[in-house]
């Protein structure tokens, strides 16, 4: 059965300042699937930049990255694999270990990832970058956009595109594509502290702890 959002005709997107190419910071395949397909439908030339040293443990990181690579290759989209410098991430997170979700630790995390994305964009001829992070309803879009704009401000002529990917059924399309592609369904934000807090909540609510690498969209557990 066709999904209702599939029938919606959406206007083609246009990059800020009439730029011709885009660097897309991707956090994972489920969040970036709708963004990628929307960019393709708009005829926008873009490259994926995967830089997420927050993701823990390594097994979770590899699954998320490989799912993203699989979808990028399916659409012939260039994919840049950034460093997994998790030691640097843990160093920057010192003193924020007990901060709540959407708090100062998340701001630090967005800043770190976007600083590296902006640097890559600057060094490789991209004047615009954006991220798939904001499509998730679990994220604070203003917090993400602030970090993106802040990272872009370090370079002349660099723009962080604050487009709201949730608009026009974007969040629903994200789920539809994830089910269609049987993407890996991560059950926590990504970092060690998110994993810790999610498992703590599950234990308090008599639910099983997270099992890494077993849950996929569109399939039964």
Protein backbone atom coordinates (compact mmCIF):
# COMPACT_ATOMS: atom_id res chain seq x y z
CA UNK A 1 0.00 0.00 0.00
CA UNK A 2 1.36 3.44 -0.89
CA UNK A 3 2.08 5.69 2.05
CA UNK A 4 0.10 8.92 2.14
CA UNK A 5 3.20 11.11 2.33
CA UNK A 6 4.38 9.61 -0.97
CA UNK A 7 1.57 11.45 -2.75
CA UNK A 8 2.68 14.88 -1.54
CA UNK A 9 4.38 16.98 -4.20
CA UNK A 10 7.19 18.92 -2.61
CA UNK A 11 9.01 21.88 -4.09
CA UNK A 12 12.61 21.37 -5.17
CA UNK A 13 15.14 22.57 -2.64
CA UNK A 14 17.67 25.27 -3.39
CA UNK A 15 20.93 25.82 -1.54
CA UNK A 16 21.62 29.12 0.22
CA UNK A 17 23.41 31.82 -1.77
CA UNK A 18 22.78 29.91 -5.02
CA UNK A 19 25.61 27.51 -4.16
CA UNK A 20 25.89 24.42 -6.34
CA UNK A 21 27.13 21.73 -3.96
CA UNK A 22 26.61 20.68 -0.37
CA UNK A 23 28.46 18.78 2.35
CA UNK A 24 25.98 16.72 4.37
CA UNK A 25 27.05 15.68 7.83
CA UNK A 26 25.31 12.36 8.44
CA UNK A 27 24.80 10.82 11.86
CA UNK A 28 23.21 7.57 10.66
CA UNK A 29 21.25 6.00 7.81
CA UNK A 30 17.75 6.33 9.37
CA UNK A 31 18.14 10.07 9.96
CA UNK A 32 19.81 10.78 6.63
CA UNK A 33 17.65 8.59 4.35
CA UNK A 34 14.91 11.17 3.82
CA UNK A 35 17.44 14.01 3.62
CA UNK A 36 19.44 12.17 0.97
CA UNK A 37 16.42 11.32 -1.14
CA UNK A 38 15.08 14.89 -0.89
CA UNK A 39 18.43 16.29 -2.04
CA UNK A 40 18.58 13.81 -4.92
CA UNK A 41 15.05 14.69 -6.01
CA UNK A 42 16.07 18.35 -6.02
CA UNK A 43 19.10 17.68 -8.21
CA UNK A 44 21.53 18.94 -5.57
CA UNK A 45 25.14 17.79 -5.83
CA UNK A 46 26.18 16.63 -2.38
CA UNK A 47 28.73 14.56 -0.50
CA UNK A 48 28.21 12.76 2.80
CA UNK A 49 30.63 13.41 5.63
CA UNK A 50 30.46 10.82 8.41
CA UNK A 51 32.17 12.11 11.53
CA UNK A 52 30.64 10.81 14.77
CA UNK A 53 33.29 10.00 17.40
CA UNK A 54 30.60 10.08 20.07
CA UNK A 55 29.13 6.73 19.02
CA UNK A 56 29.93 3.99 21.53
CA UNK A 57 30.90 1.18 21.56
CA UNK A 58 32.90 0.43 18.42
CA UNK A 59 30.43 -2.28 17.32
CA UNK A 60 27.57 0.24 17.33
CA UNK A 61 29.71 2.76 15.46
CA UNK A 62 30.61 0.28 12.72
CA UNK A 63 27.01 -0.81 12.22
CA UNK A 64 25.74 2.76 11.92
CA UNK A 65 28.54 3.75 9.56
CA UNK A 66 28.17 0.69 7.33
CA UNK A 67 24.42 1.17 7.04
CA UNK A 68 25.08 4.73 5.90
CA UNK A 69 27.69 3.57 3.38
CA UNK A 70 25.29 0.96 2.00
CA UNK A 71 22.60 3.55 1.30
CA UNK A 72 25.09 6.05 -0.14
CA UNK A 73 26.48 3.45 -2.54
CA UNK A 74 22.95 2.52 -3.58
CA UNK A 75 22.49 6.09 -4.80
CA UNK A 76 26.07 6.69 -5.99
CA UNK A 77 26.64 9.43 -3.42
CA UNK A 78 30.27 10.18 -2.43
CA UNK A 79 30.92 9.15 1.17
CA UNK A 80 33.75 10.57 3.28
CA UNK A 81 34.66 8.50 6.34
CA UNK A 82 35.90 10.81 9.09
CA UNK A 83 38.15 9.80 11.95
CA UNK A 84 36.82 7.81 14.89
CA UNK A 85 38.78 9.81 17.44
CA UNK A 86 36.69 8.74 20.42
CA UNK A 87 39.48 9.52 22.89
CA UNK A 88 39.25 13.18 21.89
CA UNK A 89 35.48 13.06 22.36
CA UNK A 90 35.77 11.59 25.86
CA UNK A 91 38.38 14.24 26.70
CA UNK A 92 36.01 17.02 25.68
CA UNK A 93 33.16 15.38 27.61
CA UNK A 94 35.07 15.47 30.93
CA UNK A 95 32.99 17.11 33.63
CA UNK A 96 29.78 16.62 31.62
CA UNK A 97 29.34 12.90 32.25
CA UNK A 98 26.13 13.38 34.24
CA UNK A 99 24.60 16.11 32.07
CA UNK A 100 21.08 15.32 30.83
CA UNK A 101 20.13 14.65 27.22
CA UNK A 102 19.91 17.94 25.27
CA UNK A 103 22.17 19.55 27.86
CA UNK A 104 25.71 20.95 27.70
CA UNK A 105 27.27 17.62 26.76
CA UNK A 106 25.10 17.45 23.64
CA UNK A 107 26.08 21.01 22.72
CA UNK A 108 29.74 20.02 23.05
CA UNK A 109 29.10 16.95 20.91
CA UNK A 110 27.41 18.93 18.14
CA UNK A 111 30.16 21.56 18.29
CA UNK A 112 32.89 18.95 17.95
CA UNK A 113 31.30 17.20 15.00
CA UNK A 114 30.40 20.40 13.17
CA UNK A 115 33.80 21.99 13.74
CA UNK A 116 35.39 19.06 11.92
CA UNK A 117 32.71 19.10 9.22
CA UNK A 118 33.22 22.82 8.62
CA UNK A 119 36.98 22.31 8.42
CA UNK A 120 36.55 19.57 5.82
CA UNK A 121 34.12 21.76 3.88
CA UNK A 122 36.57 24.67 3.95
CA UNK A 123 39.48 22.54 2.78
CA UNK A 124 37.53 20.84 0.00
CA UNK A 125 35.62 23.62 -1.72
CA UNK A 126 32.20 23.40 -0.03
CA UNK A 127 30.68 26.72 1.01
CA UNK A 128 27.53 25.16 2.49
CA UNK A 129 27.10 22.30 4.92
CA UNK A 130 24.18 20.90 6.86
CA UNK A 131 23.33 17.86 8.98
CA UNK A 132 20.70 15.14 9.16
CA UNK A 133 20.70 15.36 12.97
CA UNK A 134 17.79 17.82 13.11
CA UNK A 135 15.24 15.51 11.48
CA UNK A 136 14.88 13.48 14.66
CA UNK A 137 12.11 14.63 16.98
CA UNK A 138 14.32 13.55 19.90
CA UNK A 139 16.78 16.34 19.12
CA UNK A 140 16.61 20.06 19.89
CA UNK A 141 16.76 21.67 16.46
CA UNK A 142 17.71 25.10 17.80
CA UNK A 143 20.62 23.55 19.70
CA UNK A 144 21.82 21.80 16.54
CA UNK A 145 21.46 24.87 14.35
CA UNK A 146 23.31 27.06 16.86
CA UNK A 147 26.27 24.66 16.79
CA UNK A 148 26.22 24.53 12.99
CA UNK A 149 26.14 28.30 12.59
CA UNK A 150 28.88 28.67 15.20
CA UNK A 151 31.13 26.20 13.35
CA UNK A 152 30.53 27.90 10.00
CA UNK A 153 31.38 31.32 11.42
CA UNK A 154 35.08 30.39 11.62
CA UNK A 155 35.39 30.51 7.83
CA UNK A 156 34.63 33.34 5.40
CA UNK A 157 31.81 32.58 2.92
CA UNK A 158 30.83 29.42 4.85
CA UNK A 159 27.13 28.84 5.59
CA UNK A 160 25.40 26.28 7.76
CA UNK A 161 22.06 25.48 6.12
CA UNK A 162 19.40 25.53 8.85
CA UNK A 163 16.72 23.88 6.72
CA UNK A 164 13.98 22.17 8.76
CA UNK A 165 14.05 18.58 7.47
CA UNK A 166 10.99 17.71 9.56
CA UNK A 167 8.74 19.87 7.37
CA UNK A 168 6.32 18.50 4.80
CA UNK A 169 6.23 15.05 6.34
CA UNK A 170 10.01 14.67 6.55
CA UNK A 171 9.96 12.88 9.90
CA UNK A 172 7.32 10.41 8.67
CA UNK A 173 9.24 9.80 5.45
CA UNK A 174 12.32 9.08 7.56
CA UNK A 175 10.47 6.17 9.19
CA UNK A 176 9.01 4.94 5.90
CA UNK A 177 12.42 4.83 4.23
CA UNK A 178 13.97 3.14 7.27
CA UNK A 179 11.35 0.39 7.12
CA UNK A 180 11.69 0.04 3.36
CA UNK A 181 15.47 -0.30 3.61
CA UNK A 182 15.43 -2.35 6.84
CA UNK A 183 17.91 0.03 8.40
CA UNK A 184 19.49 -0.82 11.73
CA UNK A 185 17.34 0.70 14.48
CA UNK A 186 19.56 2.21 17.12
CA UNK A 187 17.91 2.46 20.52
CA UNK A 188 19.90 5.29 22.07
CA UNK A 189 21.44 8.54 20.90
CA UNK A 190 24.91 7.11 20.52
CA UNK A 191 27.34 8.03 23.28
CA UNK A 192 28.39 5.95 26.26
CA UNK A 193 26.44 8.18 28.64
CA UNK A 194 23.28 7.95 26.56
CA UNK A 195 23.65 4.17 26.57
CA UNK A 196 24.16 4.21 30.34
CA UNK A 197 21.11 6.39 31.01
CA UNK A 198 18.86 4.50 28.60
CA UNK A 199 19.74 1.18 30.21
CA UNK A 200 19.18 2.67 33.66
CA UNK A 201 15.70 3.82 32.62
CA UNK A 202 14.94 0.41 31.15
CA UNK A 203 15.97 -1.38 34.32
CA UNK A 204 13.79 0.94 36.40
CA UNK A 205 10.86 0.16 34.11
CA UNK A 206 11.42 -3.62 34.02
CA UNK A 207 12.57 -3.62 30.41
CA UNK A 208 15.48 -5.49 28.87
CA UNK A 209 18.79 -3.71 28.45
CA UNK A 210 19.79 -2.63 24.95
CA UNK A 211 21.16 -5.37 22.72
CA UNK A 212 23.50 -3.88 20.14
CA UNK A 213 23.14 -5.05 16.56
CA UNK A 214 19.86 -6.95 16.76
CA UNK A 215 17.02 -4.54 16.02
CA UNK A 216 16.11 -3.45 12.47
CA UNK A 217 13.26 -1.38 11.08
CA UNK A 218 10.50 -3.35 9.37
CA UNK A 219 11.27 -6.66 11.08
CA UNK A 220 10.02 -8.38 14.18
CA UNK A 221 12.34 -8.64 17.16
